[in-house]
Amino acid sequence: MLRVPDATPRVRVAAYVLRRRPDRPTELLVFDHEADLPPGTHVPAGGVALGETLEQAVIREVREETGLHDARIVRILGDDHTVHPIRGFARHTTYLQLTADPATPDAWNHQVTGTGRDEGMTFRCRFVPLPLTFHLADGQDAWLHRLDI
């Protein structure tokens, strides 16, 4: 018997964490990894847990994927509907702008926490100047034009 795939989109968040320092370009927090999530340079992103608000989810994802505990939400930028490029499920992702402490290091390695597929992986986190000179993986750069930089 044929089964109809679940068309209910997975609700997700993605974080554009910005660092601002005097006399320097605004920078975006990104990370790289060795996994197939898909591969490439990413911003923190992931699913919203049952009973969790978008704001709670984005703060948790930033903490789990980068180790930052002091990121602050600035505003919601927008949302999109896409299909996961590897696993094929529908996604509804809300993009949020956040800010990081100017004293946050330029780069660091972080072992991912939480309960997702990436738990235990090491992400190589770093700040890069805006505008980007490369594309983010999985179309994550779709809302960069809405940033207050």
Protein backbone atom coordinates (compact mmCIF):
# COMPACT_ATOMS: atom_id res chain seq x y z
CA MET A 1 0.00 0.00 0.00
CA LEU A 2 1.36 3.45 -0.90
CA ARG A 3 1.74 6.04 1.83
CA VAL A 4 1.30 9.75 1.31
CA PRO A 5 4.33 11.61 2.69
CA ASP A 6 3.68 13.97 5.59
CA ALA A 7 3.15 17.42 4.11
CA THR A 8 3.12 19.18 7.49
CA PRO A 9 6.16 21.47 7.47
CA ARG A 10 8.72 21.31 10.24
CA VAL A 11 8.69 24.64 12.09
CA ARG A 12 12.21 26.04 12.37
CA VAL A 13 14.18 29.16 13.22
CA ALA A 14 17.43 30.58 11.82
CA ALA A 15 19.64 33.15 13.55
CA TYR A 16 21.56 36.01 12.00
CA VAL A 17 23.77 36.90 14.97
CA LEU A 18 25.56 40.20 14.35
CA ARG A 19 28.62 41.62 16.08
CA ARG A 20 29.25 45.36 15.90
CA ARG A 21 32.55 46.98 16.85
CA PRO A 22 33.67 50.58 16.41
CA ASP A 23 35.35 51.38 13.09
CA ARG A 24 34.79 47.87 11.71
CA PRO A 25 32.22 46.34 9.38
CA THR A 26 29.26 44.58 10.97
CA GLU A 27 29.99 40.84 11.22
CA LEU A 28 27.78 37.75 10.97
CA LEU A 29 28.26 34.61 13.07
CA VAL A 30 28.67 31.50 10.89
CA PHE A 31 30.04 28.00 11.34
CA ASP A 32 31.41 25.11 9.29
CA HIS A 33 31.28 21.38 10.00
CA GLU A 34 32.13 18.03 8.42
CA ALA A 35 28.58 16.63 8.35
CA ASP A 36 26.02 16.30 5.57
CA LEU A 37 23.44 18.60 7.18
CA PRO A 38 23.96 19.83 4.25
CA PRO A 39 27.67 20.67 4.07
CA GLY A 40 28.90 24.24 3.83
CA THR A 41 28.90 27.40 5.90
CA HIS A 42 25.79 27.87 8.04
CA VAL A 43 24.13 30.17 10.55
CA PRO A 44 22.57 28.66 13.70
CA ALA A 45 19.21 27.09 12.85
CA GLY A 46 16.95 24.25 13.87
CA GLY A 47 13.55 23.01 14.89
CA VAL A 48 11.14 24.60 17.33
CA ALA A 49 10.25 22.18 20.15
CA LEU A 50 6.65 21.55 21.18
CA GLY A 51 5.53 24.34 23.52
CA GLU A 52 8.54 26.53 22.69
CA THR A 53 8.20 30.05 21.28
CA LEU A 54 10.20 31.16 18.24
CA GLU A 55 12.22 33.44 20.53
CA GLN A 56 13.02 30.61 22.96
CA ALA A 57 13.94 28.31 20.08
CA VAL A 58 16.34 30.73 18.40
CA ILE A 59 18.17 31.47 21.67
CA ARG A 60 18.43 27.71 22.37
CA GLU A 61 19.71 26.95 18.85
CA VAL A 62 22.38 29.66 19.10
CA ARG A 63 23.48 28.30 22.49
CA GLU A 64 23.49 24.63 21.37
CA GLU A 65 25.27 25.21 18.06
CA THR A 66 27.76 27.94 19.01
CA GLY A 67 27.98 28.06 22.81
CA LEU A 68 26.97 31.75 22.93
CA HIS A 69 24.84 32.50 25.99
CA ASP A 70 24.47 36.26 25.63
CA ALA A 71 22.92 36.69 22.17
CA ARG A 72 19.93 39.05 22.22
CA ILE A 73 17.01 39.12 19.82
CA VAL A 74 16.61 42.31 17.79
CA ARG A 75 13.71 41.43 15.49
CA ILE A 76 12.04 38.92 13.20
CA LEU A 77 13.14 39.37 9.58
CA GLY A 78 10.77 37.07 7.72
CA ASP A 79 10.02 33.46 6.96
CA ASP A 80 10.11 31.04 4.07
CA HIS A 81 8.88 27.65 3.03
CA THR A 82 11.47 25.25 1.62
CA VAL A 83 12.21 21.55 1.33
CA HIS A 84 15.23 20.02 3.10
CA PRO A 85 17.78 19.44 0.31
CA ILE A 86 18.87 16.02 1.59
CA ARG A 87 15.96 14.51 3.52
CA GLY A 88 13.14 16.06 1.48
CA PHE A 89 10.74 17.19 4.23
CA ALA A 90 8.86 20.50 4.13
CA ARG A 91 10.14 23.32 6.35
CA HIS A 92 8.76 26.65 7.54
CA THR A 93 11.73 28.70 8.78
CA THR A 94 11.51 32.05 10.56
CA TYR A 95 14.68 34.17 10.36
CA LEU A 96 15.57 36.41 13.30
CA GLN A 97 18.23 39.09 13.75
CA LEU A 98 20.22 38.88 16.99
CA THR A 99 23.19 40.73 18.41
CA ALA A 100 26.30 39.41 20.17
CA ASP A 101 28.59 41.09 22.65
CA PRO A 102 31.35 43.03 20.81
CA ALA A 103 33.92 41.24 23.01
CA THR A 104 32.92 37.80 21.67
CA PRO A 105 36.03 36.07 20.23
CA ASP A 106 36.65 36.18 16.48
CA ALA A 107 36.61 32.36 16.16
CA TRP A 108 36.26 29.22 18.30
CA ASN A 109 35.37 25.53 18.12
CA HIS A 110 32.19 24.34 19.83
CA GLN A 111 30.91 20.84 20.54
CA VAL A 112 27.17 20.89 19.78
CA THR A 113 24.80 20.17 22.67
CA GLY A 114 21.10 19.30 22.62
CA THR A 115 19.31 16.29 21.21
CA GLY A 116 19.48 16.87 17.44
CA ARG A 117 21.36 14.93 14.76
CA ASP A 118 24.31 17.31 15.22
CA GLU A 119 24.73 16.59 18.96
CA GLY A 120 28.41 15.98 19.77
CA MET A 121 29.71 17.35 16.45
CA THR A 122 32.33 20.08 16.48
CA PHE A 123 31.34 23.29 14.73
CA ARG A 124 34.03 25.81 13.75
CA CYS A 125 32.41 29.14 14.62
CA ARG A 126 33.61 32.52 13.39
CA PHE A 127 32.47 36.04 12.61
CA VAL A 128 32.71 37.20 8.98
CA PRO A 129 32.23 40.76 7.69
CA LEU A 130 29.08 41.80 5.87
CA PRO A 131 28.29 41.88 3.06
CA LEU A 132 29.25 38.23 2.53
CA THR A 133 31.56 37.30 -0.33
CA PHE A 134 30.16 33.74 -0.47
CA HIS A 135 26.80 31.99 -0.24
CA LEU A 136 25.57 30.28 2.91
CA ALA A 137 24.58 26.62 2.69
CA ASP A 138 20.97 25.61 2.15
CA GLY A 139 19.88 29.08 1.01
CA GLN A 140 20.36 30.51 4.50
CA ASP A 141 21.44 33.85 3.05
CA ALA A 142 17.91 34.50 1.72
CA TRP A 143 17.08 37.16 4.33
CA LEU A 144 20.45 38.91 4.72
CA HIS A 145 19.15 41.87 2.70
CA ARG A 146 16.70 42.64 5.54
CA LEU A 147 19.39 43.08 8.21
CA ASP A 148 19.85 46.41 9.97
CA ILE A 149 23.56 46.86 9.32
